Protein backbone atom coordinates (compact mmCIF):
# COMPACT_ATOMS: atom_id res chain seq x y z
CA MET A 1 -30.11 -15.73 2.68
CA VAL A 2 -28.14 -15.54 -0.53
CA ALA A 3 -24.35 -15.31 -0.58
CA GLY A 4 -22.29 -15.48 -3.74
CA GLU A 5 -18.72 -16.82 -3.92
CA ALA A 6 -16.30 -17.68 -1.12
CA SER A 7 -16.00 -14.21 0.45
CA GLY A 8 -19.78 -13.79 0.74
CA ASP A 9 -20.06 -17.26 2.27
CA LEU A 10 -17.42 -16.34 4.85
CA LEU A 11 -19.16 -13.08 5.80
CA ALA A 12 -22.57 -14.75 5.94
CA GLY A 13 -21.21 -17.56 8.12
CA LEU A 14 -19.93 -15.03 10.64
CA LEU A 15 -23.25 -13.17 10.54
CA LEU A 16 -25.20 -16.40 11.06
CA GLN A 17 -23.06 -17.26 14.05
CA GLY A 18 -24.13 -14.02 15.74
CA MET A 19 -27.77 -14.40 14.73
CA ARG A 20 -27.94 -17.88 16.20
CA GLY A 21 -26.70 -16.43 19.46
CA ARG A 22 -29.65 -14.01 19.43
CA TRP A 23 -32.21 -16.51 18.07
CA PRO A 24 -31.17 -20.08 19.05
CA ASP A 25 -34.06 -21.62 17.08
CA LEU A 26 -33.16 -19.76 13.89
CA THR A 27 -33.60 -21.62 10.63
CA SER A 28 -31.81 -20.33 7.54
CA PHE A 29 -31.85 -21.40 3.92
CA GLY A 30 -31.23 -20.21 0.37
CA ILE A 31 -27.89 -20.01 -1.47
CA GLY A 32 -24.68 -20.46 0.48
CA GLY A 33 -21.44 -22.32 1.01
CA PRO A 34 -19.57 -24.38 3.60
CA ALA A 35 -19.08 -21.58 6.14
CA MET A 36 -22.85 -21.00 6.22
CA GLU A 37 -23.62 -24.70 6.29
CA GLY A 38 -21.35 -24.94 9.32
CA GLN A 39 -23.89 -22.68 11.06
CA GLY A 40 -26.82 -24.94 10.18
CA PHE A 41 -27.69 -23.22 6.89
CA GLU A 42 -29.66 -25.26 4.34
CA ALA A 43 -28.16 -24.54 0.92
CA TRP A 44 -30.69 -25.04 -1.85
CA TRP A 45 -27.95 -24.07 -4.30
CA PRO A 46 -24.20 -23.67 -3.62
CA SER A 47 -22.79 -20.15 -3.59
CA SER A 48 -20.27 -21.23 -6.21
CA LYS A 49 -23.08 -21.03 -8.78
CA LEU A 50 -22.96 -17.23 -8.44
CA ALA A 51 -19.16 -16.91 -8.38
CA VAL A 52 -18.89 -15.11 -11.72
CA ARG A 53 -17.48 -11.61 -12.17
CA GLY A 54 -17.58 -9.28 -15.17
CA TYR A 55 -20.06 -8.55 -17.94
CA VAL A 56 -18.72 -10.93 -20.55
CA GLU A 57 -18.09 -13.70 -18.02
CA VAL A 58 -21.66 -13.47 -16.68
CA LEU A 59 -23.10 -13.83 -20.19
CA LYS A 60 -21.67 -17.35 -20.38
CA HIS A 61 -23.69 -18.36 -17.31
CA TYR A 62 -26.61 -15.95 -17.70
CA ARG A 63 -29.38 -18.45 -18.36
CA GLU A 64 -28.42 -20.67 -15.44
CA ILE A 65 -28.10 -17.75 -13.00
CA ILE A 66 -31.42 -16.20 -14.07
CA GLY A 67 -33.06 -19.63 -13.77
CA ILE A 68 -31.79 -20.00 -10.21
CA ARG A 69 -32.99 -16.52 -9.25
CA THR A 70 -36.45 -17.11 -10.71
CA ALA A 71 -36.80 -20.46 -8.96
CA LEU A 72 -35.63 -19.00 -5.65
CA ARG A 73 -37.94 -15.97 -5.95
CA ASP A 74 -40.97 -18.17 -6.64
CA ARG A 75 -40.14 -20.42 -3.71
CA LEU A 76 -39.72 -17.50 -1.30
CA LEU A 77 -42.90 -15.77 -2.48
CA ALA A 78 -44.84 -18.99 -2.01
CA ASP A 79 -43.51 -19.45 1.54
CA PRO A 80 -42.14 -16.08 2.73
CA PRO A 81 -39.37 -16.03 5.35
CA ASP A 82 -39.45 -13.59 8.28
CA VAL A 83 -36.58 -11.72 6.66
CA PHE A 84 -34.46 -12.07 3.55
CA ILE A 85 -30.76 -11.18 3.84
CA GLY A 86 -28.82 -10.67 0.66
CA VAL A 87 -25.09 -10.91 1.31
CA ASP A 88 -23.11 -8.89 -1.23
CA ALA A 89 -23.66 -10.24 -4.81
CA PRO A 90 -25.65 -7.09 -5.71
CA ASP A 91 -26.21 -8.00 -9.37
CA PHE A 92 -28.07 -11.10 -8.23
CA ASN A 93 -29.54 -9.94 -4.94
CA LEU A 94 -30.90 -6.44 -5.59
CA ASP A 95 -33.42 -7.51 -8.25
CA LEU A 96 -34.50 -10.44 -6.09
CA GLU A 97 -34.83 -8.16 -3.07
CA ALA A 98 -36.92 -5.66 -5.04
CA ASP A 99 -39.40 -8.41 -5.96
CA LEU A 100 -39.63 -9.62 -2.35
CA LYS A 101 -40.00 -6.11 -0.92
CA ALA A 102 -42.71 -5.23 -3.45
CA ARG A 103 -44.71 -8.20 -2.13
CA GLY A 104 -44.38 -7.05 1.47
CA GLY A 105 -41.27 -8.98 2.43
CA LYS A 106 -38.71 -7.60 4.87
CA VAL A 107 -35.30 -7.21 3.26
CA VAL A 108 -31.83 -6.56 4.64
CA HIS A 109 -28.75 -6.23 2.47
CA PHE A 110 -25.41 -7.04 4.08
CA VAL A 111 -22.41 -5.22 2.54
CA CYS A 112 -23.24 -1.93 0.89
CA PRO A 113 -22.65 -2.09 -2.87
CA SER A 114 -19.57 -0.01 -3.63
CA ILE A 115 -21.45 2.99 -5.03
CA TRP A 116 -18.58 5.14 -3.73
CA ALA A 117 -16.16 3.33 -6.06
CA TRP A 118 -18.19 2.79 -9.23
CA ARG A 119 -21.78 2.62 -10.54
CA GLY A 120 -23.01 5.44 -8.30
CA LYS A 121 -26.43 5.42 -9.98
CA ARG A 122 -27.09 2.03 -8.39
CA VAL A 123 -28.16 3.88 -5.23
CA GLU A 124 -31.70 4.22 -6.64
CA LYS A 125 -31.98 0.45 -7.00
CA ILE A 126 -30.74 -0.01 -3.43
CA ARG A 127 -33.50 2.30 -2.16
CA ARG A 128 -36.17 0.31 -4.03
CA SER A 129 -34.81 -3.04 -2.93
CA CYS A 130 -33.83 -2.83 0.75
CA ASP A 131 -35.42 -1.98 4.08
CA HIS A 132 -32.00 -1.71 5.71
CA VAL A 133 -28.34 -1.98 4.73
CA LEU A 134 -25.67 -3.40 7.02
CA CYS A 135 -22.45 -1.54 6.19
CA ILE A 136 -18.95 -2.83 6.77
CA PHE A 137 -17.18 0.50 6.22
CA PRO A 138 -17.73 3.52 8.53
CA PHE A 139 -18.39 6.16 5.85
CA GLU A 140 -21.20 4.27 4.13
CA PRO A 141 -24.26 4.95 6.39
CA GLU A 142 -23.91 8.71 5.97
CA LEU A 143 -23.66 8.31 2.21
CA LEU A 144 -26.79 6.13 2.10
CA ALA A 145 -28.69 8.46 4.46
CA LYS A 146 -28.34 11.26 1.90
CA HIS A 147 -30.46 9.10 -0.39
CA GLY A 148 -33.02 8.12 2.24
CA ILE A 149 -31.70 4.60 2.81
CA PRO A 150 -31.59 3.35 6.43
CA ALA A 151 -28.22 1.80 7.24
CA THR A 152 -26.07 0.72 10.16
CA TYR A 153 -22.29 0.48 10.40
CA VAL A 154 -21.62 -2.95 11.87
CA GLY A 155 -17.87 -3.10 11.33
CA HIS A 156 -16.16 -5.73 9.23
CA PRO A 157 -16.61 -9.27 10.56
CA LEU A 158 -13.12 -10.23 9.46
CA ALA A 159 -11.64 -7.59 11.78
CA ASN A 160 -13.09 -9.55 14.70
CA VAL A 161 -11.71 -12.95 13.68
CA ILE A 162 -8.27 -11.95 12.38
CA PRO A 163 -5.90 -11.33 15.32
CA LYS A 164 -4.22 -7.95 15.62
CA GLU A 165 -0.96 -9.76 16.28
CA PRO A 166 -0.85 -12.64 13.78
CA ASP A 167 1.20 -15.62 14.95
CA LYS A 168 3.59 -16.09 12.04
CA ASP A 169 5.55 -18.90 13.73
CA ALA A 170 2.45 -21.00 14.47
CA ALA A 171 1.15 -20.49 10.93
CA ARG A 172 4.45 -21.68 9.48
CA VAL A 173 4.42 -24.78 11.66
CA ARG A 174 0.88 -25.50 10.50
CA LEU A 175 1.87 -25.19 6.83
CA GLY A 176 5.22 -26.95 7.19
CA LEU A 177 7.28 -23.87 6.32
CA PRO A 178 10.78 -23.12 7.64
CA PRO A 179 10.63 -20.62 10.53
CA ASP A 180 13.33 -18.32 9.14
CA ALA A 181 12.52 -18.43 5.41
CA GLU A 182 11.23 -15.56 3.31
CA VAL A 183 7.69 -16.51 2.27
CA VAL A 184 5.38 -15.13 -0.41
CA THR A 185 1.70 -16.07 -0.47
CA LEU A 186 -0.09 -16.09 -3.82
CA LEU A 187 -3.87 -15.57 -3.87
CA PRO A 188 -5.08 -15.75 -7.49
CA GLY A 189 -8.79 -15.50 -6.65
CA SER A 190 -11.74 -17.66 -5.68
CA ARG A 191 -13.57 -17.84 -9.02
CA VAL A 192 -12.81 -20.15 -11.92
CA SER A 193 -12.40 -17.17 -14.27
CA GLU A 194 -9.97 -15.45 -11.89
CA VAL A 195 -7.79 -18.50 -11.41
CA ALA A 196 -7.82 -19.17 -15.15
CA SER A 197 -6.60 -15.63 -15.82
CA LEU A 198 -4.29 -15.01 -12.87
CA ALA A 199 -2.78 -18.28 -11.61
CA GLY A 200 -0.38 -18.58 -14.52
CA ARG A 201 0.71 -14.95 -14.23
CA PHE A 202 1.22 -15.25 -10.47
CA LEU A 203 3.25 -18.47 -10.68
CA GLN A 204 5.40 -17.17 -13.55
CA ALA A 205 6.04 -14.05 -11.46
CA ALA A 206 7.03 -16.30 -8.56
CA GLU A 207 9.52 -18.13 -10.76
CA LEU A 208 11.08 -14.83 -11.84
CA LEU A 209 11.19 -13.59 -8.25
CA GLN A 210 12.90 -16.77 -7.12
CA ARG A 211 15.70 -16.14 -9.59
CA ALA A 212 16.46 -12.93 -7.69
CA ARG A 213 15.98 -14.50 -4.25
CA PRO A 214 16.63 -18.25 -4.63
CA GLN A 215 15.67 -19.23 -1.07
CA LEU A 216 12.12 -17.88 -1.29
CA HIS A 217 9.21 -20.15 -0.37
CA PHE A 218 5.76 -19.81 -1.95
CA VAL A 219 2.30 -20.80 -0.67
CA VAL A 220 -0.89 -20.93 -2.74
CA PRO A 221 -4.15 -21.56 -0.82
CA ALA A 222 -6.53 -23.24 -3.28
CA VAL A 223 -10.30 -22.79 -3.14
CA PRO A 224 -12.03 -26.21 -3.17
CA GLY A 225 -12.30 -27.52 -6.71
CA LEU A 226 -9.72 -25.13 -8.18
CA ARG A 227 -6.52 -26.88 -7.06
CA PRO A 228 -6.08 -28.82 -10.34
CA ARG A 229 -6.05 -25.53 -12.29
CA ILE A 230 -3.41 -24.09 -9.99
CA GLU A 231 -1.30 -27.24 -10.22
CA ALA A 232 -1.51 -27.10 -14.01
CA ALA A 233 -0.40 -23.47 -13.96
CA ALA A 234 2.54 -24.40 -11.72
CA ARG A 235 3.64 -27.10 -14.16
CA THR A 236 3.45 -24.60 -17.02
CA ALA A 237 5.49 -22.03 -15.09
CA GLY A 238 8.22 -24.62 -14.55
CA GLY A 239 11.36 -24.38 -12.49
CA LEU A 240 9.63 -23.10 -9.34
CA ARG A 241 11.03 -24.60 -6.15
CA ASN A 242 9.74 -24.47 -2.57
CA LEU A 243 6.11 -24.23 -3.68
CA ARG A 244 3.25 -25.42 -1.50
CA ILE A 245 -0.29 -25.61 -2.82
CA VAL A 246 -2.69 -26.17 0.07
CA ASP A 247 -6.42 -26.75 0.27
CA GLY A 248 -7.91 -23.66 1.88
CA HIS A 249 -5.93 -22.26 4.84
CA SER A 250 -5.84 -18.79 3.28
CA HIS A 251 -5.63 -17.14 6.71
CA ALA A 252 -2.74 -19.36 7.78
CA ALA A 253 -1.00 -18.58 4.49
CA LEU A 254 -1.38 -14.83 5.07
CA ALA A 255 -0.22 -15.10 8.67
CA ALA A 256 2.81 -17.10 7.56
CA CYS A 257 4.02 -14.86 4.74
CA ASP A 258 6.21 -11.80 4.52
CA VAL A 259 4.62 -10.43 1.33
CA ALA A 260 1.50 -11.38 -0.65
CA LEU A 261 0.44 -11.21 -4.29
CA VAL A 262 -3.36 -10.90 -4.23
CA ALA A 263 -6.20 -10.75 -6.74
CA SER A 264 -8.31 -7.64 -6.19
CA GLY A 265 -11.26 -8.39 -3.92
CA THR A 266 -11.98 -9.25 -0.30
CA ALA A 267 -8.67 -11.11 -0.02
CA THR A 268 -6.82 -7.78 -0.24
CA LEU A 269 -8.59 -6.60 2.91
CA GLU A 270 -7.78 -9.91 4.61
CA ALA A 271 -4.12 -9.40 3.73
CA ALA A 272 -4.29 -5.86 5.15
CA LEU A 273 -5.85 -7.10 8.39
CA PHE A 274 -2.97 -9.56 8.66
CA GLN A 275 -0.73 -6.49 8.21
CA ARG A 276 1.00 -7.94 5.19
CA PRO A 277 2.61 -5.83 2.47
CA MET A 278 1.13 -6.85 -0.86
CA VAL A 279 0.85 -6.32 -4.56
CA ILE A 280 -2.73 -6.18 -5.86
CA ALA A 281 -3.32 -7.49 -9.37
CA TYR A 282 -6.24 -8.17 -11.67
CA HIS A 283 -6.86 -9.20 -15.25
CA MET A 284 -10.21 -9.73 -16.92
CA ASN A 285 -11.78 -9.96 -20.35
CA TRP A 286 -10.78 -6.83 -22.30
CA LEU A 287 -14.39 -5.94 -23.12
CA THR A 288 -15.48 -6.24 -19.49
CA TYR A 289 -12.64 -3.95 -18.47
CA ALA A 290 -13.51 -1.43 -21.19
CA LEU A 291 -17.13 -1.35 -20.03
CA MET A 292 -16.22 -0.95 -16.35
CA GLN A 293 -13.57 1.73 -16.71
CA PRO A 294 -15.91 4.70 -17.40
CA ARG A 295 -17.92 3.84 -14.27
CA ARG A 296 -14.99 4.03 -11.86
CA LEU A 297 -15.25 6.89 -9.38
CA GLN A 298 -11.88 6.49 -7.64
CA PRO A 299 -8.31 5.94 -8.79
CA TRP A 300 -7.94 2.78 -6.70
CA ILE A 301 -9.53 -0.66 -7.00
CA GLY A 302 -7.94 -2.40 -4.00
CA LEU A 303 -9.83 -2.11 -0.71
CA PRO A 304 -6.73 -1.26 1.37
CA ASN A 305 -5.93 1.65 -0.94
CA ILE A 306 -9.56 2.81 -1.08
CA LEU A 307 -9.87 2.79 2.72
CA CYS A 308 -6.54 4.56 3.20
CA GLY A 309 -7.27 7.04 0.39
CA GLU A 310 -3.88 6.55 -1.23
CA PHE A 311 -1.74 4.01 -3.06
CA VAL A 312 -0.41 2.31 0.06
CA VAL A 313 0.32 -0.82 -2.00
CA PRO A 314 0.82 -1.14 -5.76
CA GLU A 315 -1.99 -2.12 -8.13
CA LEU A 316 -1.18 -3.78 -11.45
CA LEU A 317 -4.13 -4.23 -13.81
CA GLN A 318 -4.69 -5.75 -17.22
CA ALA A 319 -1.54 -5.49 -19.39
CA ASN A 320 0.43 -4.31 -16.35
CA ALA A 321 -0.42 -7.55 -14.54
CA ASN A 322 2.33 -9.38 -16.38
CA PRO A 323 4.83 -11.71 -14.68
CA GLU A 324 7.78 -9.36 -15.06
CA SER A 325 6.00 -6.36 -13.51
CA LEU A 326 4.47 -8.45 -10.73
CA ALA A 327 7.85 -9.93 -9.82
CA ALA A 328 9.49 -6.50 -9.83
CA ALA A 329 6.79 -5.03 -7.56
CA LEU A 330 7.14 -7.91 -5.10
CA LEU A 331 10.92 -7.58 -5.09
CA GLU A 332 10.64 -3.90 -4.20
CA TRP A 333 9.00 -4.84 -0.89
CA PHE A 334 11.89 -7.10 0.10
CA GLU A 335 14.36 -4.38 -0.78
CA ALA A 336 12.60 -1.75 1.36
CA PRO A 337 12.20 -3.07 4.94
CA ALA A 338 11.36 0.39 6.32
CA ARG A 339 8.49 0.65 3.83
CA MET A 340 7.23 -2.75 5.00
CA VAL A 341 7.18 -1.55 8.61
CA ALA A 342 5.32 1.64 7.67
CA VAL A 343 2.59 -0.18 5.75
CA ARG A 344 2.07 -2.62 8.62
CA GLU A 345 1.42 0.36 10.92
CA LYS A 346 -1.15 1.76 8.49
CA PHE A 347 -2.88 -1.60 8.34
CA ARG A 348 -2.90 -1.92 12.15
CA THR A 349 -4.73 1.43 12.34
CA LEU A 350 -7.17 0.25 9.66
CA HIS A 351 -7.85 -2.90 11.68
CA THR A 352 -8.87 -0.82 14.70
CA LEU A 353 -11.19 1.30 12.54
CA LEU A 354 -13.02 -1.78 11.21
CA GLU A 355 -13.24 -3.69 14.49
CA ARG A 356 -16.71 -3.58 16.02
CA ASP A 357 -19.08 -6.07 17.67
CA THR A 358 -20.46 -6.95 14.24
CA SER A 359 -22.72 -9.78 15.37
CA GLN A 360 -24.37 -7.65 18.07
CA ARG A 361 -24.82 -4.60 15.84
CA ALA A 362 -26.15 -6.65 12.93
CA ALA A 363 -28.58 -8.58 15.10
CA ASP A 364 -29.86 -5.33 16.64
CA ALA A 365 -30.50 -3.85 13.19
CA ILE A 366 -32.20 -7.00 11.91
CA GLU A 367 -34.38 -7.13 15.03
CA LYS A 368 -35.58 -3.58 14.36
CA VAL A 369 -36.53 -4.52 10.80
CA LEU A 370 -38.44 -7.55 12.08
CA SER A 371 -40.33 -5.44 14.66
CA ARG A 372 -41.68 -2.92 12.13
């Protein structure tokens, strides 16, 4: 298995949990993180090595990433596993999967690359690389079938682990937050490049927001290893009171908050499953953004908006992701309680749509691939 970054590790850990229920003697190895290791996974390299996003950003780590992929490919070709499962990370996994499949290996890809959002031509590479795709969104198997790619909708694993009625009071006790306070959770990303670009903007926005609502409390769940960067950004922002930076606990932080400011990515879907109003933001290298823009196929980048087919929550990108605009967008939520109720209802419906027995469905699909 190969999972890149924290979100892929989380999904793969949930998948492994179900697979071990089907195959108690399962052994798994490759590239992964702590959630996978908690399921007995042997990580030859940590998933953090692949946690790079964007064309320009990847160039800085290109030689190391290609070296890891070559070494992993050679090792797997020399001693083939029963099945290879690439978890997201399509830029890394699809080429590796194509090499393994060409040599007779059985390949499953978990999380359909977002060909419906951008880079639609990638579908040809998916067909060459995979025996089967496990899809986390219900419309994807039909789209892949049009291109001759076998796929199964397995639901989104997070919809099974995030409660439909989050316990805000318990989460606040766990994080040491006042039960009656207004709380904003800040999620500036899980990659070094994201935190470097967004943490300062998010914390400056928090300081501006606190001027308008002085009693606000703020929580920032820090990915392991990135806390010092967030703390440095907090010192630079200055003047921010009632700030808690915690190690991990992103789900508790989302359960505890009233509104969230979230970097575009899987965390936006987590926030939606916790039924939290949010502002989605992103900022990347200008050249990366310029290269990606022409390949976008939809007006939205945030998963909640894509799945709902409308701008349910605001998205602020690039120059618009400035502290003043972020603070203003967050303040609008607090000033519109009826809007907050309406978006929670939309997100509750979305939760039901994504909730399936993911472990069972995924294991069934993998078993069929193994039996061919």
